[in-house]
Amino acid sequence: MFINAITKVAILVLAAVGVISAVPLEVRDHEDFEYKMLQASNWYRSQHGANALSWDQGLADYAANHASYCTRNHSGGPYGENMVFGDWSSTAGWVNSFGHERVQFDFENGGTDPATGHFTQLVWKATSAMGCGWAKCGDTYHVICEYQNRGNVVGESNRYFRENVGFQTWGSIDDQFDG
């Protein structure tokens, strides 16, 4: 009887593990979306001397609403905005796509560049809050992050970029968040 009880418990545990692992990574990852987006963003920010961001649900709702239109156009709203389309391999992968742009950024001179704009918004020191949303658009995903205060401010011979996009203080230039 004791062995029978242990066997039943073992079967229940294995069944529970089977159910959890049967849920696709994509679905499990969506459940931690907010936490992982914030965690990955703050990891990059810490490498560049920027303070940690807080999560703002209003920004997240704004982002999710715009993502639901499945357009590749920016919202034109009052916030800084990063957007990306692609497969959902991991939540951190979205932020890594923004962060990886740093390999092309000119830290000495700063400035705006379409090839690095996601990265500079991600680590912009004057930004204090973020919120992200996503939508399934056909066979791909559309992920948008909104930032308050807006980054990528142009003017005064790129002074704002030099003040708000710090040199990397730890790690290597091609590091990626894998948390």
Protein backbone atom coordinates (compact mmCIF):
# COMPACT_ATOMS: atom_id res chain seq x y z
CA MET A 1 0.00 0.00 0.00
CA PHE A 2 2.86 2.41 0.85
CA ILE A 3 4.55 1.62 -2.48
CA ASN A 4 1.23 2.04 -4.25
CA ALA A 5 0.86 5.55 -2.71
CA ILE A 6 4.41 6.49 -3.75
CA THR A 7 3.72 5.22 -7.25
CA LYS A 8 0.56 7.33 -7.47
CA VAL A 9 2.42 10.44 -6.30
CA ALA A 10 5.22 9.79 -8.79
CA ILE A 11 2.70 9.38 -11.60
CA LEU A 12 0.96 12.63 -10.62
CA VAL A 13 4.28 14.50 -10.53
CA LEU A 14 5.29 13.13 -13.92
CA ALA A 15 1.88 13.99 -15.33
CA ALA A 16 2.17 17.56 -14.03
CA VAL A 17 5.65 17.92 -15.51
CA GLY A 18 4.35 16.52 -18.77
CA VAL A 19 1.51 19.02 -18.86
CA ILE A 20 3.84 21.93 -18.12
CA SER A 21 6.39 20.88 -20.72
CA ALA A 22 3.61 20.20 -23.25
CA VAL A 23 2.73 23.91 -23.14
CA PRO A 24 4.75 25.48 -25.97
CA LEU A 25 7.68 27.73 -25.01
CA GLU A 26 5.93 30.56 -26.81
CA VAL A 27 2.92 30.38 -24.47
CA ARG A 28 4.99 29.96 -21.29
CA ASP A 29 7.22 32.86 -22.32
CA HIS A 30 4.22 35.15 -22.90
CA GLU A 31 3.19 34.67 -19.28
CA ASP A 32 6.47 36.26 -18.12
CA PHE A 33 6.57 38.87 -20.88
CA GLU A 34 6.51 42.01 -18.71
CA TYR A 35 9.03 40.72 -16.19
CA LYS A 36 11.45 39.47 -18.84
CA MET A 37 11.24 42.60 -20.99
CA LEU A 38 11.99 44.79 -17.97
CA GLN A 39 14.73 42.48 -16.67
CA ALA A 40 16.49 42.29 -20.05
CA SER A 41 16.16 46.04 -20.63
CA ASN A 42 17.62 46.87 -17.23
CA TRP A 43 20.50 44.46 -17.83
CA TYR A 44 21.53 46.42 -20.94
CA ARG A 45 20.99 49.72 -19.16
CA SER A 46 23.22 48.66 -16.28
CA GLN A 47 26.02 47.91 -18.76
CA HIS A 48 25.82 51.52 -19.96
CA GLY A 49 25.49 53.37 -16.65
CA ALA A 50 21.75 54.08 -16.94
CA ASN A 51 19.36 53.70 -14.01
CA ALA A 52 16.88 50.83 -13.96
CA LEU A 53 13.51 51.45 -15.59
CA SER A 54 10.19 50.85 -13.90
CA TRP A 55 7.26 49.14 -15.62
CA ASP A 56 4.39 51.44 -16.57
CA GLN A 57 1.13 49.64 -17.35
CA GLY A 58 -0.25 52.67 -19.18
CA LEU A 59 2.70 52.54 -21.58
CA ALA A 60 2.22 48.77 -21.93
CA ASP A 61 -1.46 49.22 -22.79
CA TYR A 62 -0.59 51.93 -25.32
CA ALA A 63 2.02 49.62 -26.90
CA ALA A 64 -0.33 46.62 -27.01
CA ASN A 65 -3.04 48.73 -28.62
CA HIS A 66 -0.69 49.93 -31.36
CA ALA A 67 0.73 46.42 -31.87
CA SER A 68 -2.79 45.12 -32.45
CA TYR A 69 -2.99 47.14 -35.68
CA CYS A 70 -0.11 45.03 -37.08
CA THR A 71 1.37 48.03 -38.87
CA ARG A 72 5.07 48.60 -39.38
CA ASN A 73 4.58 52.33 -38.80
CA HIS A 74 5.44 54.02 -35.54
CA SER A 75 2.49 55.28 -33.52
CA GLY A 76 3.57 58.92 -33.66
CA GLY A 77 2.70 59.20 -29.98
CA PRO A 78 4.40 61.22 -27.26
CA TYR A 79 6.74 58.42 -26.15
CA GLY A 80 9.98 56.89 -27.30
CA GLU A 81 9.16 53.72 -29.21
CA ASN A 82 10.92 50.54 -30.28
CA MET A 83 9.20 48.00 -32.48
CA VAL A 84 10.17 44.67 -33.96
CA PHE A 85 8.53 41.87 -35.94
CA GLY A 86 9.59 38.24 -35.86
CA ASP A 87 9.30 34.74 -34.48
CA TRP A 88 8.88 34.25 -30.75
CA SER A 89 11.96 32.29 -29.73
CA SER A 90 12.25 34.07 -26.37
CA THR A 91 11.17 37.31 -24.77
CA ALA A 92 14.79 38.26 -24.09
CA GLY A 93 15.41 37.87 -27.82
CA TRP A 94 13.30 40.95 -28.52
CA VAL A 95 15.41 43.10 -26.20
CA ASN A 96 18.61 41.51 -27.51
CA SER A 97 17.64 42.65 -31.00
CA PHE A 98 17.56 46.22 -29.65
CA GLY A 99 20.71 45.86 -27.56
CA HIS A 100 22.81 44.23 -30.27
CA GLU A 101 22.70 47.46 -32.28
CA ARG A 102 25.33 48.87 -29.91
CA VAL A 103 28.06 47.19 -31.97
CA GLN A 104 27.37 49.85 -34.64
CA PHE A 105 26.95 52.88 -32.35
CA ASP A 106 29.59 55.65 -32.38
CA PHE A 107 30.05 56.24 -28.65
CA GLU A 108 32.63 58.99 -29.21
CA ASN A 109 30.40 61.23 -31.32
CA GLY A 110 26.87 60.01 -30.64
CA GLY A 111 24.12 60.96 -33.02
CA THR A 112 21.06 59.47 -34.57
CA ASP A 113 21.35 56.52 -36.92
CA PRO A 114 18.57 54.20 -38.10
CA ALA A 115 20.89 51.25 -37.47
CA THR A 116 21.25 52.07 -33.75
CA GLY A 117 18.05 53.88 -32.74
CA HIS A 118 16.54 50.92 -30.86
CA PHE A 119 19.71 50.55 -28.80
CA THR A 120 20.03 54.24 -27.97
CA GLN A 121 16.39 54.42 -26.84
CA LEU A 122 16.91 51.28 -24.74
CA VAL A 123 19.80 52.77 -22.74
CA TRP A 124 18.83 56.49 -22.87
CA LYS A 125 19.67 57.76 -19.38
CA ALA A 126 16.81 60.29 -19.16
CA THR A 127 14.24 57.52 -19.71
CA SER A 128 12.67 56.29 -16.46
CA ALA A 129 9.78 53.98 -17.41
CA MET A 130 8.80 51.51 -20.07
CA GLY A 131 5.86 49.37 -21.09
CA CYS A 132 5.68 46.81 -23.89
CA GLY A 133 2.92 45.01 -25.71
CA TRP A 134 2.64 42.46 -28.46
CA ALA A 135 0.22 41.05 -31.00
CA LYS A 136 0.19 38.01 -33.26
CA CYS A 137 0.11 39.37 -36.81
CA GLY A 138 -0.41 36.57 -39.30
CA ASP A 139 2.47 34.15 -38.86
CA THR A 140 4.70 36.61 -36.99
CA TYR A 141 4.67 38.68 -33.81
CA HIS A 142 4.73 42.44 -33.47
CA VAL A 143 6.37 43.68 -30.26
CA ILE A 144 6.36 47.35 -29.30
CA CYS A 145 7.95 49.06 -26.31
CA GLU A 146 7.08 52.60 -25.26
CA TYR A 147 9.47 54.72 -23.18
CA GLN A 148 9.00 57.77 -20.96
CA ASN A 149 10.95 60.08 -21.30
CA ARG A 150 11.52 59.84 -25.04
CA GLY A 151 15.10 59.14 -26.12
CA ASN A 152 16.98 59.86 -29.34
CA VAL A 153 16.70 63.62 -28.86
CA VAL A 154 18.55 65.37 -31.68
CA GLY A 155 20.30 68.72 -31.47
CA GLU A 156 23.26 70.71 -30.24
CA SER A 157 25.86 68.72 -32.18
CA ASN A 158 24.73 65.39 -30.70
CA ARG A 159 25.20 66.61 -27.12
CA TYR A 160 22.05 64.77 -25.98
CA PHE A 161 23.37 61.47 -27.28
CA ARG A 162 26.74 61.94 -25.57
CA GLU A 163 24.95 62.78 -22.29
CA ASN A 164 22.38 59.97 -22.46
CA VAL A 165 24.10 57.00 -24.12
CA GLY A 166 26.92 55.85 -21.89
CA PHE A 167 29.94 53.81 -22.83
CA GLN A 168 29.72 50.16 -21.87
CA THR A 169 31.19 49.80 -18.37
CA TRP A 170 31.16 46.00 -18.01
CA GLY A 171 30.80 42.94 -20.21
CA SER A 172 31.69 42.76 -23.88
CA ILE A 173 30.15 44.60 -26.81
CA ASP A 174 28.52 41.45 -28.18
CA ASP A 175 27.03 40.27 -24.86
CA GLN A 176 23.40 39.24 -24.97
CA PHE A 177 20.97 38.84 -22.10
CA ASP A 178 20.13 35.19 -21.55
CA GLY A 179 18.12 35.31 -18.33
